[in-house]
């Protein structure tokens, strides 16, 4: 993205900050949402004790290698989540339980 924006700026003869800011807008459009989600996840799990880490990492054993790779890339699309839950109903049960815990305080 950066290279394409820079090349386009040179071709057009406009290397101004305004023109080059296209790169930032494109990057944010593509990556910002997933990074915000990942940041929120990291904030929450940083407070987990060892027992909770053990319980949660057990759930990771249900992921296929491909699902785990997508999770590591924080490629957290709705379609990915739906396929993950469909192939691992226990994850849905855990998710519903967690939502209930959050709702009840």
N, C-alpha and C. Protein backbone atom coordinates (compact mmCIF):
# COMPACT_ATOMS: atom_id res chain seq x y z
N UNK A 1 0.82 -1.19 0.00
CA UNK A 1 0.00 0.00 0.00
C UNK A 1 0.87 1.26 0.00
N UNK A 2 1.88 1.26 0.82
CA UNK A 2 2.74 2.44 0.91
C UNK A 2 3.46 2.67 -0.42
N UNK A 3 3.98 1.59 -0.99
CA UNK A 3 4.69 1.70 -2.26
C UNK A 3 3.78 2.17 -3.38
N UNK A 4 2.58 1.62 -3.43
CA UNK A 4 1.62 2.02 -4.46
C UNK A 4 1.24 3.49 -4.31
N UNK A 5 1.03 3.93 -3.07
CA UNK A 5 0.69 5.33 -2.84
C UNK A 5 1.86 6.24 -3.23
N UNK A 6 3.07 5.85 -2.85
CA UNK A 6 4.25 6.66 -3.19
C UNK A 6 4.43 6.73 -4.71
N UNK A 7 4.28 5.59 -5.39
CA UNK A 7 4.43 5.58 -6.85
C UNK A 7 3.37 6.47 -7.51
N UNK A 8 2.16 6.40 -7.02
CA UNK A 8 1.08 7.22 -7.57
C UNK A 8 1.36 8.71 -7.32
N UNK A 9 1.91 9.02 -6.16
CA UNK A 9 2.25 10.41 -5.84
C UNK A 9 3.31 10.95 -6.79
N UNK A 10 4.32 10.14 -7.05
CA UNK A 10 5.40 10.56 -7.96
C UNK A 10 4.85 10.73 -9.37
N UNK A 11 4.04 9.75 -9.84
CA UNK A 11 3.47 9.84 -11.18
C UNK A 11 2.61 11.09 -11.34
N UNK A 12 1.86 11.42 -10.31
CA UNK A 12 0.95 12.58 -10.40
C UNK A 12 1.66 13.90 -10.13
N UNK A 13 2.89 13.82 -9.62
CA UNK A 13 3.63 15.04 -9.29
C UNK A 13 3.14 15.69 -8.00
N UNK A 14 2.42 14.94 -7.20
CA UNK A 14 1.90 15.48 -5.93
C UNK A 14 2.37 14.61 -4.79
N UNK A 15 3.45 15.03 -4.14
CA UNK A 15 3.98 14.29 -3.00
C UNK A 15 3.66 15.01 -1.69
N UNK A 16 2.57 15.75 -1.70
CA UNK A 16 2.17 16.50 -0.51
C UNK A 16 1.71 15.56 0.61
N UNK A 17 1.68 16.10 1.81
CA UNK A 17 1.21 15.34 2.96
C UNK A 17 -0.23 14.87 2.73
N UNK A 18 -1.04 15.72 2.14
CA UNK A 18 -2.43 15.37 1.88
C UNK A 18 -2.55 14.17 0.95
N UNK A 19 -1.77 14.17 -0.12
CA UNK A 19 -1.81 13.05 -1.06
C UNK A 19 -1.30 11.77 -0.39
N UNK A 20 -0.16 11.88 0.29
CA UNK A 20 0.45 10.70 0.91
C UNK A 20 -0.38 10.15 2.07
N UNK A 21 -1.27 10.97 2.62
CA UNK A 21 -2.11 10.48 3.72
C UNK A 21 -3.11 9.43 3.22
N UNK A 22 -3.22 9.26 1.91
CA UNK A 22 -4.06 8.20 1.36
C UNK A 22 -3.63 6.84 1.91
N UNK A 23 -2.30 6.69 2.04
CA UNK A 23 -1.79 5.42 2.56
C UNK A 23 -2.36 5.15 3.96
N UNK A 24 -2.33 6.14 4.82
CA UNK A 24 -2.83 5.95 6.19
C UNK A 24 -4.33 5.59 6.18
N UNK A 25 -5.09 6.26 5.35
CA UNK A 25 -6.52 5.97 5.27
C UNK A 25 -6.76 4.55 4.76
N UNK A 26 -6.01 4.15 3.74
CA UNK A 26 -6.15 2.79 3.21
C UNK A 26 -5.77 1.75 4.26
N UNK A 27 -4.66 2.00 4.94
CA UNK A 27 -4.18 1.06 5.95
C UNK A 27 -5.21 0.93 7.07
N UNK A 28 -5.70 2.06 7.55
CA UNK A 28 -6.71 2.03 8.62
C UNK A 28 -7.97 1.31 8.18
N UNK A 29 -8.38 1.55 6.94
CA UNK A 29 -9.57 0.91 6.42
C UNK A 29 -9.43 -0.61 6.43
N UNK A 30 -8.23 -1.08 6.14
CA UNK A 30 -7.99 -2.52 6.05
C UNK A 30 -7.68 -3.17 7.41
N UNK A 31 -6.97 -2.48 8.30
CA UNK A 31 -6.43 -3.14 9.49
C UNK A 31 -6.91 -2.60 10.84
N UNK A 32 -7.41 -1.40 10.91
CA UNK A 32 -7.67 -0.77 12.21
C UNK A 32 -8.69 -1.53 13.06
N UNK A 33 -9.77 -2.00 12.47
CA UNK A 33 -10.80 -2.69 13.26
C UNK A 33 -10.24 -3.93 13.94
N UNK A 34 -9.52 -4.75 13.20
CA UNK A 34 -8.95 -5.95 13.80
C UNK A 34 -7.92 -5.62 14.87
N UNK A 35 -7.16 -4.57 14.68
CA UNK A 35 -6.18 -4.18 15.70
C UNK A 35 -6.87 -3.68 16.96
N UNK A 36 -7.99 -2.97 16.81
CA UNK A 36 -8.75 -2.54 18.00
C UNK A 36 -9.29 -3.74 18.75
N UNK A 37 -9.81 -4.72 18.03
CA UNK A 37 -10.31 -5.94 18.67
C UNK A 37 -9.18 -6.67 19.39
N UNK A 38 -8.06 -6.82 18.73
CA UNK A 38 -6.91 -7.50 19.33
C UNK A 38 -6.43 -6.75 20.57
N UNK A 39 -6.44 -5.44 20.51
CA UNK A 39 -6.02 -4.63 21.67
C UNK A 39 -6.96 -4.88 22.85
N UNK A 40 -8.25 -4.92 22.60
CA UNK A 40 -9.22 -5.18 23.67
C UNK A 40 -9.02 -6.57 24.26
N UNK A 41 -8.79 -7.55 23.40
CA UNK A 41 -8.55 -8.91 23.88
C UNK A 41 -7.30 -8.93 24.76
N UNK A 42 -6.23 -8.30 24.30
CA UNK A 42 -4.98 -8.28 25.06
C UNK A 42 -5.14 -7.58 26.41
N UNK A 43 -5.92 -6.50 26.44
CA UNK A 43 -6.16 -5.81 27.71
C UNK A 43 -6.84 -6.74 28.70
N UNK A 44 -7.82 -7.50 28.23
CA UNK A 44 -8.57 -8.39 29.11
C UNK A 44 -7.75 -9.57 29.59
N UNK A 45 -7.02 -10.20 28.67
CA UNK A 45 -6.30 -11.41 29.08
C UNK A 45 -5.07 -11.09 29.91
N UNK A 46 -4.63 -9.87 29.91
CA UNK A 46 -3.46 -9.52 30.72
C UNK A 46 -3.74 -9.67 32.21
N UNK A 47 -5.00 -9.72 32.60
CA UNK A 47 -5.37 -9.86 34.00
C UNK A 47 -5.68 -11.31 34.41
N UNK A 48 -5.59 -12.24 33.48
CA UNK A 48 -5.91 -13.63 33.80
C UNK A 48 -4.86 -14.23 34.74
N UNK A 49 -5.32 -15.05 35.68
CA UNK A 49 -4.41 -15.80 36.51
C UNK A 49 -4.04 -17.11 35.79
N UNK A 50 -3.14 -17.87 36.40
CA UNK A 50 -2.66 -19.10 35.75
C UNK A 50 -3.79 -20.09 35.47
N UNK A 51 -4.71 -20.23 36.41
CA UNK A 51 -5.81 -21.19 36.23
C UNK A 51 -6.68 -20.80 35.04
N UNK A 52 -6.96 -19.52 34.91
CA UNK A 52 -7.78 -19.08 33.79
C UNK A 52 -7.04 -19.28 32.48
N UNK A 53 -5.74 -19.00 32.44
CA UNK A 53 -4.95 -19.26 31.23
C UNK A 53 -5.03 -20.73 30.86
N UNK A 54 -4.91 -21.59 31.85
CA UNK A 54 -4.97 -23.03 31.57
C UNK A 54 -6.32 -23.41 30.96
N UNK A 55 -7.42 -22.90 31.53
CA UNK A 55 -8.75 -23.22 31.00
C UNK A 55 -8.91 -22.70 29.58
N UNK A 56 -8.48 -21.49 29.33
CA UNK A 56 -8.67 -20.89 28.01
C UNK A 56 -7.78 -21.53 26.95
N UNK A 57 -6.57 -21.89 27.32
CA UNK A 57 -5.70 -22.52 26.32
C UNK A 57 -6.19 -23.91 25.97
N UNK A 58 -6.94 -24.56 26.86
CA UNK A 58 -7.55 -25.84 26.52
C UNK A 58 -8.50 -25.68 25.33
N UNK A 59 -9.20 -24.55 25.26
CA UNK A 59 -10.11 -24.30 24.15
C UNK A 59 -9.37 -24.21 22.82
N UNK A 60 -8.13 -23.74 22.86
CA UNK A 60 -7.36 -23.61 21.61
C UNK A 60 -7.09 -24.95 20.95
N UNK A 61 -7.14 -26.01 21.72
CA UNK A 61 -6.91 -27.35 21.16
C UNK A 61 -8.00 -27.72 20.16
N UNK A 62 -9.14 -27.05 20.21
CA UNK A 62 -10.23 -27.34 19.29
C UNK A 62 -10.05 -26.68 17.93
N UNK A 63 -9.16 -25.72 17.83
CA UNK A 63 -8.91 -25.03 16.57
C UNK A 63 -8.14 -25.93 15.62
N UNK A 64 -8.48 -25.85 14.35
CA UNK A 64 -7.63 -26.48 13.35
C UNK A 64 -6.40 -25.58 13.19
N UNK A 65 -5.33 -26.09 12.60
CA UNK A 65 -4.17 -25.23 12.37
C UNK A 65 -4.53 -23.96 11.57
N UNK A 66 -5.42 -24.10 10.61
CA UNK A 66 -5.81 -22.96 9.79
C UNK A 66 -6.58 -21.93 10.63
N UNK A 67 -7.48 -22.40 11.48
CA UNK A 67 -8.24 -21.49 12.35
C UNK A 67 -7.32 -20.77 13.32
N UNK A 68 -6.37 -21.51 13.87
CA UNK A 68 -5.43 -20.90 14.80
C UNK A 68 -4.57 -19.84 14.10
N UNK A 69 -4.13 -20.15 12.88
CA UNK A 69 -3.33 -19.18 12.12
C UNK A 69 -4.13 -17.91 11.86
N UNK A 70 -5.40 -18.03 11.51
CA UNK A 70 -6.23 -16.85 11.29
C UNK A 70 -6.40 -16.06 12.57
N UNK A 71 -6.57 -16.74 13.69
CA UNK A 71 -6.69 -16.05 14.98
C UNK A 71 -5.41 -15.29 15.30
N UNK A 72 -4.27 -15.89 15.04
CA UNK A 72 -3.00 -15.21 15.31
C UNK A 72 -2.82 -13.97 14.44
N UNK A 73 -3.37 -14.02 13.24
CA UNK A 73 -3.29 -12.86 12.34
C UNK A 73 -4.31 -11.80 12.71
N UNK A 74 -5.10 -12.04 13.75
CA UNK A 74 -6.22 -11.18 14.14
C UNK A 74 -7.10 -10.86 12.94
N UNK A 75 -7.31 -11.88 12.13
CA UNK A 75 -8.20 -11.77 10.98
C UNK A 75 -9.59 -12.17 11.45
N UNK A 76 -10.18 -11.33 12.29
CA UNK A 76 -11.37 -11.70 13.05
C UNK A 76 -12.65 -11.27 12.34
N UNK A 77 -12.92 -11.91 11.22
CA UNK A 77 -14.13 -11.58 10.47
C UNK A 77 -15.31 -12.39 11.00
N UNK A 78 -16.50 -11.94 10.70
CA UNK A 78 -17.69 -12.66 11.09
C UNK A 78 -17.74 -14.04 10.48
N UNK A 79 -17.35 -14.14 9.22
CA UNK A 79 -17.35 -15.44 8.54
C UNK A 79 -16.39 -16.41 9.22
N UNK A 80 -15.21 -15.92 9.61
CA UNK A 80 -14.24 -16.77 10.30
C UNK A 80 -14.82 -17.25 11.63
N UNK A 81 -15.43 -16.34 12.39
CA UNK A 81 -16.00 -16.71 13.69
C UNK A 81 -17.14 -17.71 13.52
N UNK A 82 -17.98 -17.51 12.52
CA UNK A 82 -19.09 -18.43 12.29
C UNK A 82 -18.58 -19.83 11.95
N UNK A 83 -17.57 -19.93 11.07
CA UNK A 83 -17.01 -21.23 10.72
C UNK A 83 -16.35 -21.88 11.94
N UNK A 84 -15.69 -21.07 12.76
CA UNK A 84 -15.03 -21.58 13.95
C UNK A 84 -16.04 -22.19 14.91
N UNK A 85 -17.11 -21.46 15.18
CA UNK A 85 -18.14 -21.95 16.10
C UNK A 85 -18.88 -23.15 15.52
N UNK A 86 -19.14 -23.12 14.22
CA UNK A 86 -19.83 -24.23 13.58
C UNK A 86 -19.02 -25.53 13.71
N UNK A 87 -17.72 -25.42 13.58
CA UNK A 87 -16.89 -26.62 13.66
C UNK A 87 -16.54 -26.99 15.10
N UNK A 88 -16.82 -26.09 16.05
CA UNK A 88 -16.50 -26.34 17.46
C UNK A 88 -17.65 -25.86 18.34
N UNK A 89 -18.73 -26.61 18.45
CA UNK A 89 -19.88 -26.16 19.24
C UNK A 89 -19.54 -25.83 20.69
N UNK A 90 -18.54 -26.46 21.24
CA UNK A 90 -18.14 -26.16 22.62
C UNK A 90 -17.71 -24.70 22.76
N UNK A 91 -17.11 -24.15 21.72
CA UNK A 91 -16.73 -22.74 21.77
C UNK A 91 -17.95 -21.85 21.88
N UNK A 92 -19.03 -22.22 21.20
CA UNK A 92 -20.27 -21.46 21.30
C UNK A 92 -20.80 -21.51 22.72
N UNK A 93 -20.79 -22.70 23.30
CA UNK A 93 -21.25 -22.86 24.68
C UNK A 93 -20.42 -21.98 25.62
N UNK A 94 -19.11 -22.00 25.45
CA UNK A 94 -18.23 -21.18 26.29
C UNK A 94 -18.50 -19.69 26.07
N UNK A 95 -18.73 -19.31 24.82
CA UNK A 95 -19.02 -17.92 24.51
C UNK A 95 -20.32 -17.44 25.13
N UNK A 96 -21.35 -18.27 25.06
CA UNK A 96 -22.64 -17.92 25.66
C UNK A 96 -22.49 -17.80 27.17
N UNK A 97 -21.75 -18.73 27.75
CA UNK A 97 -21.52 -18.68 29.21
C UNK A 97 -20.79 -17.39 29.59
N UNK A 98 -19.80 -17.02 28.80
CA UNK A 98 -19.03 -15.80 29.09
C UNK A 98 -19.92 -14.57 28.96
N UNK A 99 -20.76 -14.52 27.93
CA UNK A 99 -21.67 -13.40 27.77
C UNK A 99 -22.63 -13.30 28.95
N UNK A 100 -23.10 -14.44 29.43
CA UNK A 100 -23.99 -14.45 30.59
C UNK A 100 -23.26 -13.90 31.82
N UNK A 101 -22.02 -14.30 32.00
CA UNK A 101 -21.22 -13.79 33.13
C UNK A 101 -21.09 -12.27 33.05
N UNK A 102 -20.82 -11.77 31.84
CA UNK A 102 -20.67 -10.32 31.65
C UNK A 102 -21.98 -9.59 31.92
N UNK A 103 -23.08 -10.17 31.46
CA UNK A 103 -24.38 -9.53 31.63
C UNK A 103 -24.82 -9.50 33.08
N UNK A 104 -24.46 -10.54 33.82
CA UNK A 104 -24.87 -10.63 35.23
C UNK A 104 -23.90 -9.94 36.17
N UNK A 105 -22.78 -9.47 35.60
CA UNK A 105 -21.82 -8.75 36.42
C UNK A 105 -20.92 -9.68 37.10
